[in-house]
Amino acid sequence: MIILGLETSCDDTGVAVFDSQQGLLAHLRASQVEIHQNYGGVVPELAARDHIRKLMPLIEAVLAEAGITKQNLDAVAYTKGPGLSGALLVGASLGRSLAFALDIPAIGVHHMEGHLLSPMLEPDQPTFPFLALLVSGGHTMLVKVDAFSEYELLGQTLDDAVGEAFDKTAKLMGLGYPGGPAISSLAQLGDTTRFDMPRPMTDRPGLNFSFSGLKTHVRTLYQSCANPEKDKADIAAGFQQAVIDTLIIKCKRALKQTGFKQLVIAGGVSANTALREQLAVKLDADVFYPRHDFCTDNGAMIAYAGWLRLEKGFKEELSFDVKPRWPLQELSTAEF
């Protein structure tokens, strides 16, 4: 079974072809970083317009790279939500129209389920059940994964997501957008212990997160420095380490609570090298990641999740919609 996957939830246009027999056949991704850099963040209207420009050419290129035609497709999977309304509608309308024209099923996929399952595209895969830490620009959550589509939300951010905190912190220090890679690069030159940074919500029980206070602490610290340009690296290092320590503490609690010995970490922030290195040595668990190409939004994870949903007998009706806000736990009660 050959599935075309379309990802247009935010500022990456991702297209991939997945074969249930041969695995991933081809994938391409077009980033919009240059478009949004001047604004310090994603502009929804510009994002949607660029998806319109890029999506069809990417589909043609991916099909050519995979050595197949549209007529070889058995289904089309697209990101249904969560995400930016306009961006989601580009992928949903094209994906649903293509499926209708080819008389094949269309499958709307939850963006975070795609991230959660992305390590399944690697040779070294986790097995159900496992714990998942999903960390991206819009989400930070711990999820108990008993089986495909059986998810229990254990904890989530009460305010800023990790990626959002990185972006905002980078912006206040003049590091540009996107903030994650900028802070990670600068942190390598800094001292993680020079400045005392809070580890939010680790002094109380529970698995929820909060990063707005840490962001505010960094702003106050940066503005009070006599020579902020000279201190940037140490501030970046301290901030990043505080985030990593917080994630590790919460993961330890969740692993103990569930009794699981496997942790999946996925989403854009899972590409952070320091986070990967420290999770590997500080947790009593096997840790699984997607490759760096699949940490950011991509079509491969959507194609794979779409295939699993198709195997369960799920397909969209002829009419369609998108869900800019769509709690992951709602999938646990989805009808197949």
C-alpha atoms as a PDB file:
ATOM      1  CA  MET A   1       0.000   0.000   0.000  1.00  0.00           C
ATOM      2  CA  ILE A   2       1.466   3.359  -1.056  1.00  0.00           C
ATOM      3  CA  ILE A   3       0.527   6.499   0.889  1.00  0.00           C
ATOM      4  CA  LEU A   4       1.194  10.118  -0.047  1.00  0.00           C
ATOM      5  CA  GLY A   5       1.712  12.298   3.034  1.00  0.00           C
ATOM      6  CA  LEU A   6       1.169  16.082   3.087  1.00  0.00           C
ATOM      7  CA  GLU A   7       2.228  18.302   6.007  1.00  0.00           C
ATOM      8  CA  THR A   8       1.197  21.989   6.009  1.00  0.00           C
ATOM      9  CA  SER A   9       0.392  22.755   9.640  1.00  0.00           C
ATOM     10  CA  CYS A  10       2.700  25.750  10.071  1.00  0.00           C
ATOM     11  CA  ASP A  11       5.807  26.960   8.228  1.00  0.00           C
ATOM     12  CA  ASP A  12       7.201  23.776   6.664  1.00  0.00           C
ATOM     13  CA  THR A  13       5.764  22.224   3.513  1.00  0.00           C
ATOM     14  CA  GLY A  14       6.438  18.487   3.744  1.00  0.00           C
ATOM     15  CA  VAL A  15       5.628  15.763   1.216  1.00  0.00           C
ATOM     16  CA  ALA A  16       6.527  12.075   1.358  1.00  0.00           C
ATOM     17  CA  VAL A  17       5.617   8.706  -0.121  1.00  0.00           C
ATOM     18  CA  PHE A  18       5.480   5.691   2.196  1.00  0.00           C
ATOM     19  CA  ASP A  19       5.153   2.084   1.009  1.00  0.00           C
ATOM     20  CA  SER A  20       3.885  -0.402   3.600  1.00  0.00           C
ATOM     21  CA  GLN A  21       6.128  -3.061   2.045  1.00  0.00           C
ATOM     22  CA  GLN A  22       9.294  -1.107   1.254  1.00  0.00           C
ATOM     23  CA  GLY A  23       9.131   1.716   3.784  1.00  0.00           C
ATOM     24  CA  LEU A  24       9.799   5.356   2.977  1.00  0.00           C
ATOM     25  CA  LEU A  25      10.308   5.834  -0.765  1.00  0.00           C
ATOM     26  CA  ALA A  26      10.953   9.585  -0.923  1.00  0.00           C
ATOM     27  CA  HIS A  27      10.447  12.765   1.042  1.00  0.00           C
ATOM     28  CA  LEU A  28      11.061  16.489   0.555  1.00  0.00           C
ATOM     29  CA  ARG A  29      10.539  19.543   2.743  1.00  0.00           C
ATOM     30  CA  ALA A  30      10.509  23.250   1.950  1.00  0.00           C
ATOM     31  CA  SER A  31      11.242  25.575   4.873  1.00  0.00           C
ATOM     32  CA  GLN A  32       9.820  29.079   5.210  1.00  0.00           C
ATOM     33  CA  VAL A  33      12.447  30.375   7.660  1.00  0.00           C
ATOM     34  CA  GLU A  34      13.673  33.097   5.301  1.00  0.00           C
ATOM     35  CA  ILE A  35      10.129  34.351   4.752  1.00  0.00           C
ATOM     36  CA  HIS A  36       9.386  34.788   8.456  1.00  0.00           C
ATOM     37  CA  GLN A  37      12.803  35.843   9.772  1.00  0.00           C
ATOM     38  CA  ASN A  38      12.162  39.564   9.306  1.00  0.00           C
ATOM     39  CA  TYR A  39       9.041  39.292  11.452  1.00  0.00           C
ATOM     40  CA  GLY A  40      10.615  37.319  14.300  1.00  0.00           C
ATOM     41  CA  GLY A  41       7.974  34.594  14.005  1.00  0.00           C
ATOM     42  CA  VAL A  42       5.514  32.906  11.680  1.00  0.00           C
ATOM     43  CA  VAL A  43       3.038  35.137   9.829  1.00  0.00           C
ATOM     44  CA  PRO A  44      -0.008  32.883   9.172  1.00  0.00           C
ATOM     45  CA  GLU A  45      -1.111  34.498   5.904  1.00  0.00           C
ATOM     46  CA  LEU A  46       2.390  34.335   4.423  1.00  0.00           C
ATOM     47  CA  ALA A  47       2.701  30.718   5.546  1.00  0.00           C
ATOM     48  CA  ALA A  48      -0.528  29.697   3.801  1.00  0.00           C
ATOM     49  CA  ARG A  49       0.425  31.467   0.582  1.00  0.00           C
ATOM     50  CA  ASP A  50       3.805  29.767   0.459  1.00  0.00           C
ATOM     51  CA  HIS A  51       2.202  26.354   0.974  1.00  0.00           C
ATOM     52  CA  ILE A  52       0.014  27.080  -2.053  1.00  0.00           C
ATOM     53  CA  ARG A  53       3.113  27.867  -4.124  1.00  0.00           C
ATOM     54  CA  LYS A  54       5.203  24.929  -2.919  1.00  0.00           C
ATOM     55  CA  LEU A  55       2.864  21.992  -2.344  1.00  0.00           C
ATOM     56  CA  MET A  56       2.034  20.833  -5.874  1.00  0.00           C
ATOM     57  CA  PRO A  57       5.624  21.141  -7.186  1.00  0.00           C
ATOM     58  CA  LEU A  58       6.837  19.165  -4.162  1.00  0.00           C
ATOM     59  CA  ILE A  59       4.270  16.434  -4.806  1.00  0.00           C
ATOM     60  CA  GLU A  60       5.441  16.108  -8.403  1.00  0.00           C
ATOM     61  CA  ALA A  61       9.089  16.013  -7.310  1.00  0.00           C
ATOM     62  CA  VAL A  62       8.503  13.393  -4.602  1.00  0.00           C
ATOM     63  CA  LEU A  63       6.531  11.144  -6.934  1.00  0.00           C
ATOM     64  CA  ALA A  64       9.318  11.389  -9.505  1.00  0.00           C
ATOM     65  CA  GLU A  65      11.963  10.600  -6.889  1.00  0.00           C
ATOM     66  CA  ALA A  66       9.943   7.589  -5.724  1.00  0.00           C
ATOM     67  CA  GLY A  67       9.608   6.418  -9.324  1.00  0.00           C
ATOM     68  CA  ILE A  68       5.810   6.283  -9.274  1.00  0.00           C
ATOM     69  CA  THR A  69       2.831   8.232 -10.631  1.00  0.00           C
ATOM     70  CA  LYS A  70      -0.330   9.465  -8.953  1.00  0.00           C
ATOM     71  CA  GLN A  71      -2.116   6.383 -10.260  1.00  0.00           C
ATOM     72  CA  ASN A  72       0.114   4.190  -8.069  1.00  0.00           C
ATOM     73  CA  LEU A  73      -1.156   5.847  -4.882  1.00  0.00           C
ATOM     74  CA  ASP A  74      -3.531   3.913  -2.620  1.00  0.00           C
ATOM     75  CA  ALA A  75      -4.362   6.806  -0.267  1.00  0.00           C
ATOM     76  CA  VAL A  76      -3.543  10.410   0.586  1.00  0.00           C
ATOM     77  CA  ALA A  77      -2.836  11.461   4.179  1.00  0.00           C
ATOM     78  CA  TYR A  78      -2.797  15.116   5.199  1.00  0.00           C
ATOM     79  CA  THR A  79      -2.410  17.047   8.425  1.00  0.00           C
ATOM     80  CA  LYS A  80      -5.882  17.854   9.719  1.00  0.00           C
ATOM     81  CA  GLY A  81      -4.701  19.703  12.835  1.00  0.00           C
ATOM     82  CA  PRO A  82      -3.646  21.221  15.093  1.00  0.00           C
ATOM     83  CA  GLY A  83      -1.979  24.169  13.403  1.00  0.00           C
ATOM     84  CA  LEU A  84      -2.670  27.402  11.539  1.00  0.00           C
ATOM     85  CA  SER A  85      -6.116  27.396   9.924  1.00  0.00           C
ATOM     86  CA  GLY A  86      -5.048  28.743   6.529  1.00  0.00           C
ATOM     87  CA  ALA A  87      -2.006  26.517   6.318  1.00  0.00           C
ATOM     88  CA  LEU A  88      -4.009  23.419   7.265  1.00  0.00           C
ATOM     89  CA  LEU A  89      -6.660  24.196   4.657  1.00  0.00           C
ATOM     90  CA  VAL A  90      -4.060  24.220   1.874  1.00  0.00           C
ATOM     91  CA  GLY A  91      -2.978  20.644   2.575  1.00  0.00           C
ATOM     92  CA  ALA A  92      -6.463  19.397   3.421  1.00  0.00           C
ATOM     93  CA  SER A  93      -8.135  20.807   0.310  1.00  0.00           C
ATOM     94  CA  LEU A  94      -5.429  19.619  -2.062  1.00  0.00           C
ATOM     95  CA  GLY A  95      -5.125  16.225  -0.381  1.00  0.00           C
ATOM     96  CA  ARG A  96      -8.859  15.645  -0.318  1.00  0.00           C
ATOM     97  CA  SER A  97      -9.266  16.813  -3.937  1.00  0.00           C
ATOM     98  CA  LEU A  98      -6.444  14.580  -5.140  1.00  0.00           C
ATOM     99  CA  ALA A  99      -7.939  11.582  -3.345  1.00  0.00           C
ATOM    100  CA  PHE A 100     -11.354  12.321  -4.849  1.00  0.00           C
ATOM    101  CA  ALA A 101      -9.912  12.607  -8.358  1.00  0.00           C
ATOM    102  CA  LEU A 102      -8.045   9.317  -7.994  1.00  0.00           C
ATOM    103  CA  ASP A 103     -10.960   7.602  -6.202  1.00  0.00           C
ATOM    104  CA  ILE A 104      -8.789   6.597  -3.252  1.00  0.00           C
ATOM    105  CA  PRO A 105      -9.218   7.142   0.501  1.00  0.00           C
ATOM    106  CA  ALA A 106      -8.166  10.365   2.225  1.00  0.00           C
ATOM    107  CA  ILE A 107      -6.978  10.331   5.843  1.00  0.00           C
ATOM    108  CA  GLY A 108      -6.777  13.344   8.131  1.00  0.00           C
ATOM    109  CA  VAL A 109      -3.857  12.950  10.548  1.00  0.00           C
ATOM    110  CA  HIS A 110      -3.231  14.582  13.911  1.00  0.00           C
ATOM    111  CA  HIS A 111       0.025  16.541  13.695  1.00  0.00           C
ATOM    112  CA  MET A 112       1.271  15.464  17.131  1.00  0.00           C
ATOM    113  CA  GLU A 113       0.406  11.829  16.485  1.00  0.00           C
ATOM    114  CA  GLY A 114       2.661  12.099  13.453  1.00  0.00           C
ATOM    115  CA  HIS A 115       5.509  13.355  15.657  1.00  0.00           C
ATOM    116  CA  LEU A 116       4.800  10.715  18.282  1.00  0.00           C
ATOM    117  CA  LEU A 117       5.096   7.923  15.701  1.00  0.00           C
ATOM    118  CA  SER A 118       8.042   9.384  13.758  1.00  0.00           C
ATOM    119  CA  PRO A 119      10.686   7.182  15.493  1.00  0.00           C
ATOM    120  CA  MET A 120       8.860   4.211  13.946  1.00  0.00           C
ATOM    121  CA  LEU A 121      10.447   5.251  10.644  1.00  0.00           C
ATOM    122  CA  GLU A 122      13.892   4.386  12.027  1.00  0.00           C
ATOM    123  CA  PRO A 123      15.617   0.959  12.068  1.00  0.00           C
ATOM    124  CA  ASP A 124      15.773   1.076  15.890  1.00  0.00           C
ATOM    125  CA  GLN A 125      12.120   1.386  16.883  1.00  0.00           C
ATOM    126  CA  PRO A 126      10.309   1.461  20.216  1.00  0.00           C
ATOM    127  CA  THR A 127       7.620  -1.100  20.957  1.00  0.00           C
ATOM    128  CA  PHE A 128       4.284  -0.404  22.606  1.00  0.00           C
ATOM    129  CA  PRO A 129       3.776   0.630  25.343  1.00  0.00           C
ATOM    130  CA  PHE A 130       6.108   3.604  25.848  1.00  0.00           C
ATOM    131  CA  LEU A 131       6.281   7.134  27.224  1.00  0.00           C
ATOM    132  CA  ALA A 132       6.462  10.025  24.766  1.00  0.00           C
ATOM    133  CA  LEU A 133       7.868  13.497  25.356  1.00  0.00           C
ATOM    134  CA  LEU A 134       6.606  15.787  22.589  1.00  0.00           C
ATOM    135  CA  VAL A 135       8.480  19.081  22.451  1.00  0.00           C
ATOM    136  CA  SER A 136       7.976  21.621  19.692  1.00  0.00           C
ATOM    137  CA  GLY A 137       7.254  25.271  19.046  1.00  0.00           C
ATOM    138  CA  GLY A 138       3.613  24.872  19.995  1.00  0.00           C
ATOM    139  CA  HIS A 139       3.517  21.839  22.269  1.00  0.00           C
ATOM    140  CA  THR A 140       5.203  20.361  25.311  1.00  0.00           C
ATOM    141  CA  MET A 141       3.530  17.234  26.650  1.00  0.00           C
ATOM    142  CA  LEU A 142       4.138  13.870  28.237  1.00  0.00           C
ATOM    143  CA  VAL A 143       1.975  11.113  26.802  1.00  0.00           C
ATOM    144  CA  LYS A 144       1.428   7.526  27.948  1.00  0.00           C
ATOM    145  CA  VAL A 145       1.227   5.460  24.763  1.00  0.00           C
ATOM    146  CA  ASP A 146      -0.330   2.040  25.352  1.00  0.00           C
ATOM    147  CA  ALA A 147      -0.850   1.253  21.661  1.00  0.00           C
ATOM    148  CA  PHE A 148      -1.526   3.022  18.396  1.00  0.00           C
ATOM    149  CA  SER A 149      -4.298   5.591  19.011  1.00  0.00           C
ATOM    150  CA  GLU A 150      -4.420   4.749  22.739  1.00  0.00           C
ATOM    151  CA  TYR A 151      -2.980   7.865  24.348  1.00  0.00           C
ATOM    152  CA  GLU A 152      -3.220   9.287  27.848  1.00  0.00           C
ATOM    153  CA  LEU A 153      -2.022  12.830  28.462  1.00  0.00           C
ATOM    154  CA  LEU A 154       0.043  12.839  31.649  1.00  0.00           C
ATOM    155  CA  GLY A 155       1.243  16.429  31.628  1.00  0.00           C
ATOM    156  CA  GLN A 156       1.539  19.478  29.415  1.00  0.00           C
ATOM    157  CA  THR A 157       2.728  23.060  29.455  1.00  0.00           C
ATOM    158  CA  LEU A 158       0.484  25.561  31.210  1.00  0.00           C
ATOM    159  CA  ASP A 159       1.849  28.455  29.138  1.00  0.00           C
ATOM    160  CA  ASP A 160       4.785  28.638  26.712  1.00  0.00           C
ATOM    161  CA  ALA A 161       5.882  25.481  24.941  1.00  0.00           C
ATOM    162  CA  VAL A 162       9.615  24.701  24.990  1.00  0.00           C
ATOM    163  CA  GLY A 163      10.166  25.783  21.389  1.00  0.00           C
ATOM    164  CA  GLU A 164       8.206  28.969  21.988  1.00  0.00           C
ATOM    165  CA  ALA A 165      10.350  29.729  25.055  1.00  0.00           C
ATOM    166  CA  PHE A 166      13.506  29.237  22.964  1.00  0.00           C
ATOM    167  CA  ASP A 167      12.194  31.557  20.246  1.00  0.00           C
ATOM    168  CA  LYS A 168      11.126  34.304  22.649  1.00  0.00           C
ATOM    169  CA  THR A 169      14.356  34.103  24.644  1.00  0.00           C
ATOM    170  CA  ALA A 170      16.433  34.291  21.477  1.00  0.00           C
ATOM    171  CA  LYS A 171      14.417  37.281  20.287  1.00  0.00           C
ATOM    172  CA  LEU A 172      14.916  39.261  23.499  1.00  0.00           C
ATOM    173  CA  MET A 173      18.683  38.654  23.234  1.00  0.00           C
ATOM    174  CA  GLY A 174      18.732  39.665  19.572  1.00  0.00           C
ATOM    175  CA  LEU A 175      19.678  36.218  18.293  1.00  0.00           C
ATOM    176  CA  GLY A 176      17.126  36.068  15.503  1.00  0.00           C
ATOM    177  CA  TYR A 177      14.603  33.471  14.379  1.00  0.00           C
ATOM    178  CA  PRO A 178      14.276  30.519  14.750  1.00  0.00           C
ATOM    179  CA  GLY A 179      15.534  30.701  18.309  1.00  0.00           C
ATOM    180  CA  GLY A 180      16.239  27.032  19.069  1.00  0.00           C
ATOM    181  CA  PRO A 181      19.271  26.562  16.814  1.00  0.00           C
ATOM    182  CA  ALA A 182      20.565  30.053  17.687  1.00  0.00           C
ATOM    183  CA  ILE A 183      20.518  29.456  21.438  1.00  0.00           C
ATOM    184  CA  SER A 184      21.845  25.907  21.098  1.00  0.00           C
ATOM    185  CA  SER A 185      24.808  27.123  19.042  1.00  0.00           C
ATOM    186  CA  LEU A 186      25.601  30.009  21.381  1.00  0.00           C
ATOM    187  CA  ALA A 187      25.208  27.825  24.474  1.00  0.00           C
ATOM    188  CA  GLN A 188      28.142  25.689  23.369  1.00  0.00           C
ATOM    189  CA  LEU A 189      30.387  28.696  24.068  1.00  0.00           C
ATOM    190  CA  GLY A 190      28.921  29.464  27.494  1.00  0.00           C
ATOM    191  CA  ASP A 191      29.129  28.360  31.140  1.00  0.00           C
ATOM    192  CA  THR A 192      25.948  26.585  32.260  1.00  0.00           C
ATOM    193  CA  THR A 193      26.647  27.280  35.957  1.00  0.00           C
ATOM    194  CA  ARG A 194      27.501  30.988  35.961  1.00  0.00           C
ATOM    195  CA  PHE A 195      23.899  32.204  36.332  1.00  0.00           C
ATOM    196  CA  ASP A 196      21.340  30.647  38.663  1.00  0.00           C
ATOM    197  CA  MET A 197      18.266  29.712  36.620  1.00  0.00           C
ATOM    198  CA  PRO A 198      14.968  28.321  37.943  1.00  0.00           C
ATOM    199  CA  ARG A 199      13.771  24.814  37.081  1.00  0.00           C
ATOM    200  CA  PRO A 200      10.037  25.613  36.802  1.00  0.00           C
ATOM    201  CA  MET A 201       7.503  23.451  38.635  1.00  0.00           C
ATOM    202  CA  THR A 202      10.072  20.853  39.675  1.00  0.00           C
ATOM    203  CA  ASP A 203       9.689  21.694  43.378  1.00  0.00           C
ATOM    204  CA  ARG A 204       6.131  20.358  43.434  1.00  0.00           C
ATOM    205  CA  PRO A 205       4.529  17.064  42.401  1.00  0.00           C
ATOM    206  CA  GLY A 206       2.959  16.561  38.998  1.00  0.00           C
ATOM    207  CA  LEU A 207       3.949  16.345  35.363  1.00  0.00           C
ATOM    208  CA  ASN A 208       2.842  19.711  34.001  1.00  0.00           C
ATOM    209  CA  PHE A 209       5.324  22.259  32.655  1.00  0.00           C
ATOM    210  CA  SER A 210       5.656  26.037  32.728  1.00  0.00           C
ATOM    211  CA  PHE A 211       8.344  28.016  30.929  1.00  0.00           C
ATOM    212  CA  SER A 212       7.042  31.591  30.978  1.00  0.00           C
ATOM    213  CA  GLY A 213       8.676  32.265  34.365  1.00  0.00           C
ATOM    214  CA  LEU A 214      12.063  31.043  33.124  1.00  0.00           C
ATOM    215  CA  LYS A 215      11.727  33.262  30.065  1.00  0.00           C
ATOM    216  CA  THR A 216      10.912  36.257  32.291  1.00  0.00           C
ATOM    217  CA  HIS A 217      13.886  35.434  34.533  1.00  0.00           C
ATOM    218  CA  VAL A 218      16.204  35.473  31.521  1.00  0.00           C
ATOM    219  CA  ARG A 219      14.797  38.802  30.337  1.00  0.00           C
ATOM    220  CA  THR A 220      15.384  40.398  33.759  1.00  0.00           C
ATOM    221  CA  LEU A 221      18.869  38.922  33.953  1.00  0.00           C
ATOM    222  CA  TYR A 222      19.810  40.047  30.442  1.00  0.00           C
ATOM    223  CA  GLN A 223      18.537  43.579  31.003  1.00  0.00           C
ATOM    224  CA  SER A 224      20.447  43.871  34.297  1.00  0.00           C
ATOM    225  CA  CYS A 225      23.796  42.732  32.906  1.00  0.00           C
ATOM    226  CA  ALA A 226      26.481  45.416  32.713  1.00  0.00           C
ATOM    227  CA  ASN A 227      27.733  43.919  29.457  1.00  0.00           C
ATOM    228  CA  PRO A 228      24.886  41.842  27.995  1.00  0.00           C
ATOM    229  CA  GLU A 229      26.706  41.180  24.717  1.00  0.00           C
ATOM    230  CA  LYS A 230      29.599  39.597  26.603  1.00  0.00           C
ATOM    231  CA  ASP A 231      27.253  37.583  28.831  1.00  0.00           C
ATOM    232  CA  LYS A 232      25.020  36.225  26.059  1.00  0.00           C
ATOM    233  CA  ALA A 233      26.730  32.860  25.772  1.00  0.00           C
ATOM    234  CA  ASP A 234      26.546  32.170  29.512  1.00  0.00           C
ATOM    235  CA  ILE A 235      22.898  33.221  29.641  1.00  0.00           C
ATOM    236  CA  ALA A 236      22.067  30.997  26.667  1.00  0.00           C
ATOM    237  CA  ALA A 237      23.912  28.075  28.243  1.00  0.00           C
ATOM    238  CA  GLY A 238      22.172  28.549  31.580  1.00  0.00           C
ATOM    239  CA  PHE A 239      18.756  28.878  29.976  1.00  0.00           C
ATOM    240  CA  GLN A 240      19.187  25.781  27.825  1.00  0.00           C
ATOM    241  CA  GLN A 241      20.442  23.732  30.773  1.00  0.00           C
ATOM    242  CA  ALA A 242      17.480  24.821  32.898  1.00  0.00           C
ATOM    243  CA  VAL A 243      15.103  23.638  30.171  1.00  0.00           C
ATOM    244  CA  ILE A 244      16.920  20.316  29.806  1.00  0.00           C
ATOM    245  CA  ASP A 245      17.012  19.709  33.567  1.00  0.00           C
ATOM    246  CA  THR A 246      13.299  20.444  33.807  1.00  0.00           C
ATOM    247  CA  LEU A 247      12.463  18.007  31.004  1.00  0.00           C
ATOM    248  CA  ILE A 248      14.662  15.307  32.529  1.00  0.00           C
ATOM    249  CA  ILE A 249      13.103  15.673  35.988  1.00  0.00           C
ATOM    250  CA  LYS A 250       9.592  15.389  34.557  1.00  0.00           C
ATOM    251  CA  CYS A 251      10.545  12.407  32.369  1.00  0.00           C
ATOM    252  CA  LYS A 252      11.989  10.598  35.389  1.00  0.00           C
ATOM    253  CA  ARG A 253       8.742  11.137  37.273  1.00  0.00           C
ATOM    254  CA  ALA A 254       6.634   9.933  34.347  1.00  0.00           C
ATOM    255  CA  LEU A 255       8.769   6.829  33.812  1.00  0.00           C
ATOM    256  CA  LYS A 256       8.458   5.963  37.489  1.00  0.00           C
ATOM    257  CA  GLN A 257       4.708   6.582  37.443  1.00  0.00           C
ATOM    258  CA  THR A 258       4.097   4.405  34.381  1.00  0.00           C
ATOM    259  CA  GLY A 259       6.774   1.795  35.042  1.00  0.00           C
ATOM    260  CA  PHE A 260       7.816   2.078  31.390  1.00  0.00           C
ATOM    261  CA  LYS A 261      11.399   1.607  30.251  1.00  0.00           C
ATOM    262  CA  GLN A 262      11.101   3.250  26.839  1.00  0.00           C
ATOM    263  CA  LEU A 263      10.967   6.974  26.098  1.00  0.00           C
ATOM    264  CA  VAL A 264      10.216   8.520  22.711  1.00  0.00           C
ATOM    265  CA  ILE A 265      11.182  12.158  22.278  1.00  0.00           C
ATOM    266  CA  ALA A 266       9.932  13.910  19.155  1.00  0.00           C
ATOM    267  CA  GLY A 267       9.121  17.346  17.795  1.00  0.00           C
ATOM    268  CA  GLY A 268      11.402  20.169  16.708  1.00  0.00           C
ATOM    269  CA  VAL A 269      13.178  20.531  20.066  1.00  0.00           C
ATOM    270  CA  SER A 270      14.124  16.837  20.027  1.00  0.00           C
ATOM    271  CA  ALA A 271      16.864  17.802  17.540  1.00  0.00           C
ATOM    272  CA  ASN A 272      18.698  19.648  20.346  1.00  0.00           C
ATOM    273  CA  THR A 273      22.056  17.881  20.708  1.00  0.00           C
ATOM    274  CA  ALA A 274      22.568  18.686  24.402  1.00  0.00           C
ATOM    275  CA  LEU A 275      19.103  17.370  25.259  1.00  0.00           C
ATOM    276  CA  ARG A 276      19.745  14.113  23.408  1.00  0.00           C
ATOM    277  CA  GLU A 277      23.112  13.583  25.047  1.00  0.00           C
ATOM    278  CA  GLN A 278      21.859  14.184  28.574  1.00  0.00           C
ATOM    279  CA  LEU A 279      18.652  12.146  28.252  1.00  0.00           C
ATOM    280  CA  ALA A 280      20.730   9.181  27.110  1.00  0.00           C
ATOM    281  CA  VAL A 281      22.849   9.132  30.285  1.00  0.00           C
ATOM    282  CA  LYS A 282      20.486  10.512  32.946  1.00  0.00           C
ATOM    283  CA  LEU A 283      17.436   8.324  32.396  1.00  0.00           C
ATOM    284  CA  ASP A 284      17.001   4.670  33.287  1.00  0.00           C
ATOM    285  CA  ALA A 285      15.263   3.965  29.999  1.00  0.00           C
ATOM    286  CA  ASP A 286      15.874   3.306  26.337  1.00  0.00           C
ATOM    287  CA  VAL A 287      15.474   6.594  24.469  1.00  0.00           C
ATOM    288  CA  PHE A 288      14.262   6.740  20.861  1.00  0.00           C
ATOM    289  CA  TYR A 289      14.407   9.701  18.482  1.00  0.00           C
ATOM    290  CA  PRO A 290      13.504  10.391  14.873  1.00  0.00           C
ATOM    291  CA  ARG A 291      16.387  11.382  12.605  1.00  0.00           C
ATOM    292  CA  HIS A 292      17.030  15.128  12.492  1.00  0.00           C
ATOM    293  CA  ASP A 293      15.135  15.517   9.192  1.00  0.00           C
ATOM    294  CA  PHE A 294      12.028  14.140  10.899  1.00  0.00           C
ATOM    295  CA  CYS A 295      12.251  16.191  14.098  1.00  0.00           C
ATOM    296  CA  THR A 296      10.833  19.202  12.283  1.00  0.00           C
ATOM    297  CA  ASP A 297       7.451  19.032  10.554  1.00  0.00           C
ATOM    298  CA  ASN A 298       7.600  16.591   7.648  1.00  0.00           C
ATOM    299  CA  GLY A 299       5.458  14.584   5.286  1.00  0.00           C
ATOM    300  CA  ALA A 300       6.981  11.207   6.186  1.00  0.00           C
ATOM    301  CA  MET A 301       5.434  11.114   9.648  1.00  0.00           C
ATOM    302  CA  ILE A 302       2.034  12.048   8.177  1.00  0.00           C
ATOM    303  CA  ALA A 303       2.246   9.333   5.520  1.00  0.00           C
ATOM    304  CA  TYR A 304       3.204   6.724   8.130  1.00  0.00           C
ATOM    305  CA  ALA A 305       0.457   7.722  10.578  1.00  0.00           C
ATOM    306  CA  GLY A 306      -2.000   7.814   7.679  1.00  0.00           C
ATOM    307  CA  TRP A 307      -1.097   4.259   6.729  1.00  0.00           C
ATOM    308  CA  LEU A 308      -1.710   3.032  10.284  1.00  0.00           C
ATOM    309  CA  ARG A 309      -5.097   4.772  10.356  1.00  0.00           C
ATOM    310  CA  LEU A 310      -6.011   3.294   6.983  1.00  0.00           C
ATOM    311  CA  GLU A 311      -5.080  -0.162   8.290  1.00  0.00           C
ATOM    312  CA  LYS A 312      -7.568   0.421  11.104  1.00  0.00           C
ATOM    313  CA  GLY A 313     -10.263   1.152   8.536  1.00  0.00           C
ATOM    314  CA  PHE A 314     -10.386   4.907   9.039  1.00  0.00           C
ATOM    315  CA  LYS A 315     -11.043   7.303   6.167  1.00  0.00           C
ATOM    316  CA  GLU A 316     -12.515  10.777   5.791  1.00  0.00           C
ATOM    317  CA  GLU A 317     -15.974  11.531   4.456  1.00  0.00           C
ATOM    318  CA  LEU A 318     -16.293  13.396   1.171  1.00  0.00           C
ATOM    319  CA  SER A 319     -16.740  16.664   3.061  1.00  0.00           C
ATOM    320  CA  PHE A 320     -13.772  17.736   5.175  1.00  0.00           C
ATOM    321  CA  ASP A 321     -12.659  20.226   7.767  1.00  0.00           C
ATOM    322  CA  VAL A 322      -9.516  21.114   9.687  1.00  0.00           C
ATOM    323  CA  LYS A 323      -8.965  21.404  13.435  1.00  0.00           C
ATOM    324  CA  PRO A 324      -6.604  24.253  14.417  1.00  0.00           C
ATOM    325  CA  ARG A 325      -7.146  23.176  18.037  1.00  0.00           C
ATOM    326  CA  TRP A 326      -7.291  19.414  18.474  1.00  0.00           C
ATOM    327  CA  PRO A 327      -6.332  17.732  21.782  1.00  0.00           C
ATOM    328  CA  LEU A 328      -4.330  14.563  21.168  1.00  0.00           C
ATOM    329  CA  GLN A 329      -6.359  12.591  23.695  1.00  0.00           C
ATOM    330  CA  GLU A 330      -9.446  12.940  21.490  1.00  0.00           C
ATOM    331  CA  LEU A 331      -7.896  10.371  19.154  1.00  0.00           C
ATOM    332  CA  SER A 332      -8.297   7.706  21.833  1.00  0.00           C
ATOM    333  CA  THR A 333     -12.064   7.807  21.313  1.00  0.00           C
ATOM    334  CA  ALA A 334     -11.958   8.069  17.515  1.00  0.00           C
ATOM    335  CA  GLU A 335     -14.247   5.668  15.694  1.00  0.00           C
ATOM    336  CA  PHE A 336     -12.674   3.324  13.207  1.00  0.00           C
END
